[in-house]
PDB file of N, CA and C in Angstrom:
ATOM      1  N   UNK A   1      -1.733   4.063   4.066  1.00  0.00           N
ATOM      2  CA  UNK A   1      -2.340   2.874   4.438  1.00  0.00           C
ATOM      3  C   UNK A   1      -2.833   2.170   3.216  1.00  0.00           C
ATOM      4  N   UNK A   2      -2.121   1.420   2.197  1.00  0.00           N
ATOM      5  CA  UNK A   2      -2.601   0.957   1.167  1.00  0.00           C
ATOM      6  C   UNK A   2      -3.252  -0.778   1.158  1.00  0.00           C
ATOM      7  N   UNK A   3      -2.729  -1.075   2.488  1.00  0.00           N
ATOM      8  CA  UNK A   3      -3.391  -2.793   2.707  1.00  0.00           C
ATOM      9  C   UNK A   3      -4.776  -2.773   2.566  1.00  0.00           C
ATOM     10  N   UNK A   4      -5.389  -1.862   3.067  1.00  0.00           N
ATOM     11  CA  UNK A   4      -6.596  -1.858   3.473  1.00  0.00           C
ATOM     12  C   UNK A   4      -7.089  -0.720   3.093  1.00  0.00           C
ATOM     13  N   UNK A   5      -7.697  -0.306   1.942  1.00  0.00           N
ATOM     14  CA  UNK A   5      -8.111   1.440   1.411  1.00  0.00           C
ATOM     15  C   UNK A   5      -9.004   1.988   2.361  1.00  0.00           C
ATOM     16  N   UNK A   6      -8.721   3.205   2.636  1.00  0.00           N
ATOM     17  CA  UNK A   6      -9.247   4.303   3.076  1.00  0.00           C
ATOM     18  C   UNK A   6      -9.974   4.945   1.739  1.00  0.00           C
ATOM     19  N   UNK A   7     -11.115   3.960   1.779  1.00  0.00           N
ATOM     20  CA  UNK A   7     -12.075   4.207   0.360  1.00  0.00           C
ATOM     21  C   UNK A   7     -12.355   5.699   0.533  1.00  0.00           C
ATOM     22  N   UNK A   8     -13.109   6.286   1.864  1.00  0.00           N
ATOM     23  CA  UNK A   8     -13.646   7.660   1.766  1.00  0.00           C
ATOM     24  C   UNK A   8     -12.794   8.675   2.036  1.00  0.00           C
ATOM     25  N   UNK A   9     -11.368   8.408   2.084  1.00  0.00           N
ATOM     26  CA  UNK A   9     -10.326   9.391   2.246  1.00  0.00           C
ATOM     27  C   UNK A   9     -10.491  10.325   3.584  1.00  0.00           C
ATOM     28  N   UNK A  10     -11.172   9.754   4.462  1.00  0.00           N
ATOM     29  CA  UNK A  10     -11.040  10.762   5.390  1.00  0.00           C
ATOM     30  C   UNK A  10      -9.806  10.567   6.799  1.00  0.00           C
ATOM     31  N   UNK A  11      -8.615   9.553   6.296  1.00  0.00           N
ATOM     32  CA  UNK A  11      -7.556   9.599   6.872  1.00  0.00           C
ATOM     33  C   UNK A  11      -7.382   8.272   8.233  1.00  0.00           C
ATOM     34  N   UNK A  12      -8.348   7.532   7.768  1.00  0.00           N
ATOM     35  CA  UNK A  12      -8.490   6.240   9.055  1.00  0.00           C
ATOM     36  C   UNK A  12      -9.502   5.286   8.204  1.00  0.00           C
ATOM     37  N   UNK A  13      -9.039   4.363   9.083  1.00  0.00           N
ATOM     38  CA  UNK A  13     -10.112   2.967   8.608  1.00  0.00           C
ATOM     39  C   UNK A  13     -11.265   2.695   9.285  1.00  0.00           C
ATOM     40  N   UNK A  14     -12.611   2.706   9.150  1.00  0.00           N
ATOM     41  CA  UNK A  14     -13.849   2.464   9.589  1.00  0.00           C
ATOM     42  C   UNK A  14     -14.620   1.586   8.940  1.00  0.00           C
ATOM     43  N   UNK A  15     -15.757   0.902   9.770  1.00  0.00           N
ATOM     44  CA  UNK A  15     -16.564  -0.094   9.276  1.00  0.00           C
ATOM     45  C   UNK A  15     -16.826   0.597   7.862  1.00  0.00           C
ATOM     46  N   UNK A  16     -17.315   1.789   7.584  1.00  0.00           N
ATOM     47  CA  UNK A  16     -17.835   2.468   6.324  1.00  0.00           C
ATOM     48  C   UNK A  16     -16.767   1.939   5.279  1.00  0.00           C
ATOM     49  N   UNK A  17     -15.432   2.129   5.487  1.00  0.00           N
ATOM     50  CA  UNK A  17     -14.457   1.689   4.408  1.00  0.00           C
ATOM     51  C   UNK A  17     -14.613   0.041   4.330  1.00  0.00           C
ATOM     52  N   UNK A  18     -14.816  -0.851   5.057  1.00  0.00           N
ATOM     53  CA  UNK A  18     -15.379  -2.342   4.903  1.00  0.00           C
ATOM     54  C   UNK A  18     -16.846  -2.594   4.153  1.00  0.00           C
ATOM     55  N   UNK A  19     -17.469  -1.953   4.328  1.00  0.00           N
ATOM     56  CA  UNK A  19     -18.897  -1.634   3.831  1.00  0.00           C
ATOM     57  C   UNK A  19     -18.794  -1.239   2.111  1.00  0.00           C
ATOM     58  N   UNK A  20     -18.247   0.014   2.159  1.00  0.00           N
ATOM     59  CA  UNK A  20     -17.476   0.150   0.454  1.00  0.00           C
ATOM     60  C   UNK A  20     -16.996  -0.549  -0.069  1.00  0.00           C
ATOM     61  N   UNK A  21     -16.285  -1.527   0.348  1.00  0.00           N
ATOM     62  CA  UNK A  21     -15.647  -2.149  -0.443  1.00  0.00           C
ATOM     63  C   UNK A  21     -15.987  -3.751  -0.542  1.00  0.00           C
ATOM     64  N   UNK A  22     -17.256  -3.893   0.428  1.00  0.00           N
ATOM     65  CA  UNK A  22     -18.472  -5.029  -0.033  1.00  0.00           C
ATOM     66  C   UNK A  22     -19.292  -4.284  -1.351  1.00  0.00           C
ATOM     67  N   UNK A  23     -19.644  -3.191  -1.279  1.00  0.00           N
ATOM     68  CA  UNK A  23     -20.342  -2.906  -2.668  1.00  0.00           C
ATOM     69  C   UNK A  23     -19.579  -2.849  -3.790  1.00  0.00           C
ATOM     70  N   UNK A  24     -18.629  -2.314  -3.760  1.00  0.00           N
ATOM     71  CA  UNK A  24     -17.353  -2.502  -4.718  1.00  0.00           C
ATOM     72  C   UNK A  24     -17.333  -3.674  -5.384  1.00  0.00           C
ATOM     73  N   UNK A  25     -17.037  -4.693  -4.339  1.00  0.00           N
ATOM     74  CA  UNK A  25     -16.910  -6.209  -4.726  1.00  0.00           C
ATOM     75  C   UNK A  25     -17.772  -6.556  -5.629  1.00  0.00           C
ATOM     76  N   UNK A  26     -19.186  -6.177  -5.188  1.00  0.00           N
ATOM     77  CA  UNK A  26     -20.452  -6.550  -5.752  1.00  0.00           C
ATOM     78  C   UNK A  26     -20.566  -6.428  -7.446  1.00  0.00           C
ATOM     79  N   UNK A  27     -20.396  -5.065  -7.129  1.00  0.00           N
ATOM     80  CA  UNK A  27     -20.311  -4.157  -8.830  1.00  0.00           C
ATOM     81  C   UNK A  27     -19.523  -4.758  -9.455  1.00  0.00           C
ATOM     82  N   UNK A  28     -18.331  -5.006  -9.112  1.00  0.00           N
ATOM     83  CA  UNK A  28     -17.374  -5.693 -10.025  1.00  0.00           C
ATOM     84  C   UNK A  28     -17.417  -6.938 -10.450  1.00  0.00           C
ATOM     85  N   UNK A  29     -18.116  -7.667  -9.392  1.00  0.00           N
ATOM     86  CA  UNK A  29     -18.262  -9.429 -10.004  1.00  0.00           C
ATOM     87  C   UNK A  29     -19.716  -9.325 -10.733  1.00  0.00           C
ATOM     88  N   UNK A  30     -20.511  -8.287 -10.472  1.00  0.00           N
ATOM     89  CA  UNK A  30     -21.870  -8.011 -11.495  1.00  0.00           C
ATOM     90  C   UNK A  30     -21.716  -7.319 -12.738  1.00  0.00           C
ATOM     91  N   UNK A  31     -20.271  -6.843 -13.058  1.00  0.00           N
ATOM     92  CA  UNK A  31     -20.128  -6.062 -13.880  1.00  0.00           C
ATOM     93  C   UNK A  31     -20.950  -5.039 -14.177  1.00  0.00           C
ATOM     94  N   UNK A  32     -21.333  -4.604 -13.069  1.00  0.00           N
ATOM     95  CA  UNK A  32     -21.946  -3.064 -13.166  1.00  0.00           C
ATOM     96  C   UNK A  32     -23.479  -3.287 -12.309  1.00  0.00           C
ATOM     97  N   UNK A  33     -23.761  -4.877 -12.170  1.00  0.00           N
ATOM     98  CA  UNK A  33     -25.195  -4.825 -12.149  1.00  0.00           C
ATOM     99  C   UNK A  33     -25.020  -5.328 -10.178  1.00  0.00           C
ATOM    100  N   UNK A  34     -25.779  -5.032  -9.622  1.00  0.00           N
ATOM    101  CA  UNK A  34     -25.769  -5.230  -7.985  1.00  0.00           C
ATOM    102  C   UNK A  34     -26.920  -6.649  -7.966  1.00  0.00           C
ATOM    103  N   UNK A  35     -26.229  -7.785  -7.441  1.00  0.00           N
ATOM    104  CA  UNK A  35     -26.824  -8.684  -7.213  1.00  0.00           C
ATOM    105  C   UNK A  35     -27.203  -8.419  -5.279  1.00  0.00           C
ATOM    106  N   UNK A  36     -28.559  -8.352  -5.351  1.00  0.00           N
ATOM    107  CA  UNK A  36     -28.700  -7.796  -3.690  1.00  0.00           C
ATOM    108  C   UNK A  36     -28.289  -9.186  -2.624  1.00  0.00           C
ATOM    109  N   UNK A  37     -28.417 -10.284  -3.181  1.00  0.00           N
ATOM    110  CA  UNK A  37     -27.858 -11.816  -2.152  1.00  0.00           C
ATOM    111  C   UNK A  37     -26.282 -11.245  -1.851  1.00  0.00           C
ATOM    112  N   UNK A  38     -25.649 -11.245  -3.327  1.00  0.00           N
ATOM    113  CA  UNK A  38     -24.508 -11.432  -3.271  1.00  0.00           C
ATOM    114  C   UNK A  38     -23.890 -10.014  -2.119  1.00  0.00           C
ATOM    115  N   UNK A  39     -24.442  -8.805  -2.524  1.00  0.00           N
ATOM    116  CA  UNK A  39     -24.193  -7.763  -1.627  1.00  0.00           C
ATOM    117  C   UNK A  39     -24.272  -8.162  -0.381  1.00  0.00           C
ATOM    118  N   UNK A  40     -25.275  -8.858   0.402  1.00  0.00           N
ATOM    119  CA  UNK A  40     -25.377  -9.128   1.517  1.00  0.00           C
ATOM    120  C   UNK A  40     -24.655  -9.997   2.266  1.00  0.00           C
ATOM    121  N   UNK A  41     -24.040 -11.315   1.065  1.00  0.00           N
ATOM    122  CA  UNK A  41     -22.837 -11.940   1.485  1.00  0.00           C
ATOM    123  C   UNK A  41     -21.345 -11.130   1.673  1.00  0.00           C
ATOM    124  N   UNK A  42     -21.115 -10.364   0.643  1.00  0.00           N
ATOM    125  CA  UNK A  42     -19.904  -9.455   0.951  1.00  0.00           C
ATOM    126  C   UNK A  42     -19.930  -8.403   1.835  1.00  0.00           C
ATOM    127  N   UNK A  43     -21.247  -8.038   2.297  1.00  0.00           N
ATOM    128  CA  UNK A  43     -21.173  -7.084   3.402  1.00  0.00           C
ATOM    129  C   UNK A  43     -21.107  -7.640   4.819  1.00  0.00           C
ATOM    130  N   UNK A  44     -21.711  -9.224   4.939  1.00  0.00           N
ATOM    131  CA  UNK A  44     -21.302  -9.929   6.074  1.00  0.00           C
ATOM    132  C   UNK A  44     -19.832 -10.138   6.432  1.00  0.00           C
ATOM    133  N   UNK A  45     -19.243 -10.526   4.901  1.00  0.00           N
ATOM    134  CA  UNK A  45     -17.940 -11.069   5.208  1.00  0.00           C
ATOM    135  C   UNK A  45     -16.840  -9.850   5.694  1.00  0.00           C
ATOM    136  N   UNK A  46     -17.191  -8.598   4.874  1.00  0.00           N
ATOM    137  CA  UNK A  46     -16.259  -7.238   5.438  1.00  0.00           C
ATOM    138  C   UNK A  46     -16.617  -7.133   6.561  1.00  0.00           C
ATOM    139  N   UNK A  47     -17.819  -7.188   7.281  1.00  0.00           N
ATOM    140  CA  UNK A  47     -18.192  -6.646   8.638  1.00  0.00           C
ATOM    141  C   UNK A  47     -17.429  -7.368   9.831  1.00  0.00           C
ATOM    142  N   UNK A  48     -17.362  -8.868   9.271  1.00  0.00           N
ATOM    143  CA  UNK A  48     -16.508  -9.699  10.409  1.00  0.00           C
ATOM    144  C   UNK A  48     -14.991  -9.541  10.306  1.00  0.00           C
ATOM    145  N   UNK A  49     -14.485  -9.306   8.993  1.00  0.00           N
ATOM    146  CA  UNK A  49     -12.898  -8.672   8.715  1.00  0.00           C
ATOM    147  C   UNK A  49     -13.034  -7.430   9.505  1.00  0.00           C
ATOM    148  N   UNK A  50     -13.714  -6.141   9.519  1.00  0.00           N
ATOM    149  CA  UNK A  50     -13.532  -5.456  10.322  1.00  0.00           C
ATOM    150  C   UNK A  50     -13.872  -5.462  11.520  1.00  0.00           C
ATOM    151  N   UNK A  51     -14.572  -6.248  12.030  1.00  0.00           N
ATOM    152  CA  UNK A  51     -14.688  -6.528  13.534  1.00  0.00           C
ATOM    153  C   UNK A  51     -13.376  -6.952  14.100  1.00  0.00           C
ATOM    154  N   UNK A  52     -12.665  -8.264  13.115  1.00  0.00           N
ATOM    155  CA  UNK A  52     -11.390  -8.958  13.988  1.00  0.00           C
ATOM    156  C   UNK A  52     -10.298  -7.702  13.760  1.00  0.00           C
ATOM    157  N   UNK A  53     -10.279  -6.862  12.604  1.00  0.00           N
ATOM    158  CA  UNK A  53      -8.956  -5.831  12.287  1.00  0.00           C
ATOM    159  C   UNK A  53      -9.130  -4.806  13.457  1.00  0.00           C
ATOM    160  N   UNK A  54     -10.262  -4.370  13.873  1.00  0.00           N
ATOM    161  CA  UNK A  54     -10.727  -3.472  14.883  1.00  0.00           C
ATOM    162  C   UNK A  54     -10.171  -3.746  16.000  1.00  0.00           C
ATOM    163  N   UNK A  55     -10.663  -5.342  16.520  1.00  0.00           N
ATOM    164  CA  UNK A  55     -10.422  -5.836  18.021  1.00  0.00           C
ATOM    165  C   UNK A  55      -8.877  -5.979  17.891  1.00  0.00           C
ATOM    166  N   UNK A  56      -7.842  -5.848  17.114  1.00  0.00           N
ATOM    167  CA  UNK A  56      -6.267  -5.859  17.211  1.00  0.00           C
ATOM    168  C   UNK A  56      -5.999  -4.679  16.955  1.00  0.00           C
ATOM    169  N   UNK A  57      -6.547  -3.575  16.223  1.00  0.00           N
ATOM    170  CA  UNK A  57      -6.134  -2.209  16.185  1.00  0.00           C
ATOM    171  C   UNK A  57      -6.501  -1.093  16.516  1.00  0.00           C
ATOM    172  N   UNK A  58      -7.643  -1.111  17.196  1.00  0.00           N
ATOM    173  CA  UNK A  58      -8.515   0.081  17.472  1.00  0.00           C
ATOM    174  C   UNK A  58      -8.223   0.012  18.925  1.00  0.00           C
ATOM    175  N   UNK A  59      -7.104   0.446  19.483  1.00  0.00           N
ATOM    176  CA  UNK A  59      -6.624   0.725  20.696  1.00  0.00           C
ATOM    177  C   UNK A  59      -7.647   1.622  21.624  1.00  0.00           C
ATOM    178  N   UNK A  60      -8.209   2.547  20.791  1.00  0.00           N
ATOM    179  CA  UNK A  60      -8.828   3.606  21.926  1.00  0.00           C
ATOM    180  C   UNK A  60     -10.425   3.290  21.458  1.00  0.00           C
ATOM    181  N   UNK A  61     -10.429   2.538  20.880  1.00  0.00           N
ATOM    182  CA  UNK A  61     -11.960   2.073  21.038  1.00  0.00           C
ATOM    183  C   UNK A  61     -13.027   3.164  20.698  1.00  0.00           C
ATOM    184  N   UNK A  62     -12.580   3.955  19.219  1.00  0.00           N
ATOM    185  CA  UNK A  62     -13.256   5.128  18.827  1.00  0.00           C
ATOM    186  C   UNK A  62     -13.751   4.562  17.837  1.00  0.00           C
ATOM    187  N   UNK A  63     -13.914   3.502  17.088  1.00  0.00           N
ATOM    188  CA  UNK A  63     -14.436   2.948  15.771  1.00  0.00           C
ATOM    189  C   UNK A  63     -13.631   3.530  14.626  1.00  0.00           C
ATOM    190  N   UNK A  64     -12.209   3.947  14.992  1.00  0.00           N
ATOM    191  CA  UNK A  64     -11.701   4.254  13.561  1.00  0.00           C
ATOM    192  C   UNK A  64     -10.042   3.437  14.103  1.00  0.00           C
ATOM    193  N   UNK A  65      -9.440   3.349  13.037  1.00  0.00           N
ATOM    194  CA  UNK A  65      -7.997   2.906  13.033  1.00  0.00           C
ATOM    195  C   UNK A  65      -7.101   4.158  12.128  1.00  0.00           C
ATOM    196  N   UNK A  66      -6.362   4.485  12.998  1.00  0.00           N
ATOM    197  CA  UNK A  66      -5.398   5.685  12.151  1.00  0.00           C
ATOM    198  C   UNK A  66      -4.125   4.488  11.988  1.00  0.00           C
ATOM    199  N   UNK A  67      -3.132   5.307  10.956  1.00  0.00           N
ATOM    200  CA  UNK A  67      -2.059   4.585  10.569  1.00  0.00           C
ATOM    201  C   UNK A  67      -1.318   4.196  11.623  1.00  0.00           C
ATOM    202  N   UNK A  68      -0.809   4.884  12.773  1.00  0.00           N
ATOM    203  CA  UNK A  68      -0.484   4.743  13.766  1.00  0.00           C
ATOM    204  C   UNK A  68      -0.912   3.453  14.702  1.00  0.00           C
ATOM    205  N   UNK A  69      -2.279   3.606  14.937  1.00  0.00           N
ATOM    206  CA  UNK A  69      -2.910   2.112  15.551  1.00  0.00           C
ATOM    207  C   UNK A  69      -2.444   1.210  14.773  1.00  0.00           C
ATOM    208  N   UNK A  70      -2.933   1.116  13.416  1.00  0.00           N
ATOM    209  CA  UNK A  70      -2.593  -0.082  12.316  1.00  0.00           C
ATOM    210  C   UNK A  70      -0.907  -0.532  12.364  1.00  0.00           C
ATOM    211  N   UNK A  71      -0.089   0.361  12.482  1.00  0.00           N
ATOM    212  CA  UNK A  71       1.064   0.018  12.731  1.00  0.00           C
ATOM    213  C   UNK A  71       1.697  -0.573  14.093  1.00  0.00           C
ATOM    214  N   UNK A  72       0.997  -0.076  15.131  1.00  0.00           N
ATOM    215  CA  UNK A  72       1.206  -0.796  16.048  1.00  0.00           C
ATOM    216  C   UNK A  72       0.397  -2.080  16.658  1.00  0.00           C
ATOM    217  N   UNK A  73      -0.549  -2.318  16.171  1.00  0.00           N
ATOM    218  CA  UNK A  73      -1.032  -3.663  16.155  1.00  0.00           C
ATOM    219  C   UNK A  73      -0.162  -4.752  15.077  1.00  0.00           C
ATOM    220  N   UNK A  74       0.387  -4.097  14.350  1.00  0.00           N
ATOM    221  CA  UNK A  74       1.227  -5.197  13.359  1.00  0.00           C
ATOM    222  C   UNK A  74       2.364  -5.603  14.165  1.00  0.00           C
ATOM    223  N   UNK A  75       3.146  -4.635  14.587  1.00  0.00           N
ATOM    224  CA  UNK A  75       4.342  -4.461  15.282  1.00  0.00           C
ATOM    225  C   UNK A  75       3.962  -5.903  16.701  1.00  0.00           C
ATOM    226  N   UNK A  76       2.957  -5.456  17.310  1.00  0.00           N
ATOM    227  CA  UNK A  76       2.178  -6.461  18.678  1.00  0.00           C
ATOM    228  C   UNK A  76       1.870  -7.640  18.303  1.00  0.00           C
ATOM    229  N   UNK A  77       1.381  -8.043  17.010  1.00  0.00           N
ATOM    230  CA  UNK A  77       0.901  -9.208  16.828  1.00  0.00           C
ATOM    231  C   UNK A  77       1.870 -10.021  15.652  1.00  0.00           C
ATOM    232  N   UNK A  78       2.595  -9.301  14.994  1.00  0.00           N
ATOM    233  CA  UNK A  78       3.223 -10.020  13.973  1.00  0.00           C
ATOM    234  C   UNK A  78       5.175 -10.076  14.100  1.00  0.00           C
ATOM    235  N   UNK A  79       5.323  -8.824  14.390  1.00  0.00           N
ATOM    236  CA  UNK A  79       6.826  -8.502  14.122  1.00  0.00           C
ATOM    237  C   UNK A  79       7.633  -9.317  15.228  1.00  0.00           C
ATOM    238  N   UNK A  80       8.495 -10.377  14.493  1.00  0.00           N
ATOM    239  CA  UNK A  80       9.231 -11.166  15.388  1.00  0.00           C
ATOM    240  C   UNK A  80       8.747 -12.291  15.732  1.00  0.00           C
ATOM    241  N   UNK A  81       7.821 -12.473  15.017  1.00  0.00           N
ATOM    242  CA  UNK A  81       6.745 -13.938  15.543  1.00  0.00           C
ATOM    243  C   UNK A  81       7.077 -14.611  14.413  1.00  0.00           C
ATOM    244  N   UNK A  82       6.805 -16.072  14.385  1.00  0.00           N
ATOM    245  CA  UNK A  82       6.959 -16.763  13.614  1.00  0.00           C
ATOM    246  C   UNK A  82       5.583 -17.136  12.853  1.00  0.00           C
ATOM    247  N   UNK A  83       5.299 -17.253  11.362  1.00  0.00           N
ATOM    248  CA  UNK A  83       3.963 -17.057  10.838  1.00  0.00           C
ATOM    249  C   UNK A  83       2.960 -18.051  11.509  1.00  0.00           C
ATOM    250  N   UNK A  84       3.069 -19.098  12.108  1.00  0.00           N
ATOM    251  CA  UNK A  84       2.338 -19.963  12.858  1.00  0.00           C
ATOM    252  C   UNK A  84       1.652 -18.990  14.482  1.00  0.00           C
ATOM    253  N   UNK A  85       2.604 -18.049  14.611  1.00  0.00           N
ATOM    254  CA  UNK A  85       1.784 -17.421  15.956  1.00  0.00           C
ATOM    255  C   UNK A  85       0.890 -16.226  15.514  1.00  0.00           C
ATOM    256  N   UNK A  86       0.878 -15.707  14.227  1.00  0.00           N
ATOM    257  CA  UNK A  86       0.129 -15.201  13.664  1.00  0.00           C
ATOM    258  C   UNK A  86      -1.200 -15.093  13.824  1.00  0.00           C
ATOM    259  N   UNK A  87      -2.139 -13.868  14.036  1.00  0.00           N
ATOM    260  CA  UNK A  87      -3.661 -13.838  14.422  1.00  0.00           C
ATOM    261  C   UNK A  87      -4.398 -14.809  13.256  1.00  0.00           C
ATOM    262  N   UNK A  88      -5.093 -15.571  13.672  1.00  0.00           N
ATOM    263  CA  UNK A  88      -5.742 -16.699  12.924  1.00  0.00           C
ATOM    264  C   UNK A  88      -6.969 -15.894  12.220  1.00  0.00           C
ATOM    265  N   UNK A  89      -7.374 -16.269  11.178  1.00  0.00           N
ATOM    266  CA  UNK A  89      -8.583 -15.296  10.607  1.00  0.00           C
ATOM    267  C   UNK A  89      -9.725 -16.198  10.927  1.00  0.00           C
ATOM    268  N   UNK A  90     -10.922 -15.927  11.337  1.00  0.00           N
ATOM    269  CA  UNK A  90     -12.358 -16.343  11.561  1.00  0.00           C
ATOM    270  C   UNK A  90     -12.923 -16.832  10.184  1.00  0.00           C
ATOM    271  N   UNK A  91     -13.443 -17.986  10.086  1.00  0.00           N
ATOM    272  CA  UNK A  91     -14.022 -18.309   9.132  1.00  0.00           C
ATOM    273  C   UNK A  91     -15.883 -18.154   8.891  1.00  0.00           C
TER     274      UNK A  91
END
């Protein structure tokens, strides 16, 4: 699953992966330094993204999204539909 990285390589996506992406983005943006305010902003963004993705793809509600769940979610929400019917991202 390369669209959203399994940062800790445990075989599924979970909130931890998204929080790690927040830290990674902060370190990259700060060129090695961590700005706590920016980290909190990224954590909020990534938590919101995780909540939206898990609502669509975590079918068994175990807090993990497997590759099969992700594929099933894409099929149900996107395949065969015009772009205008794709799920909207909350701001």
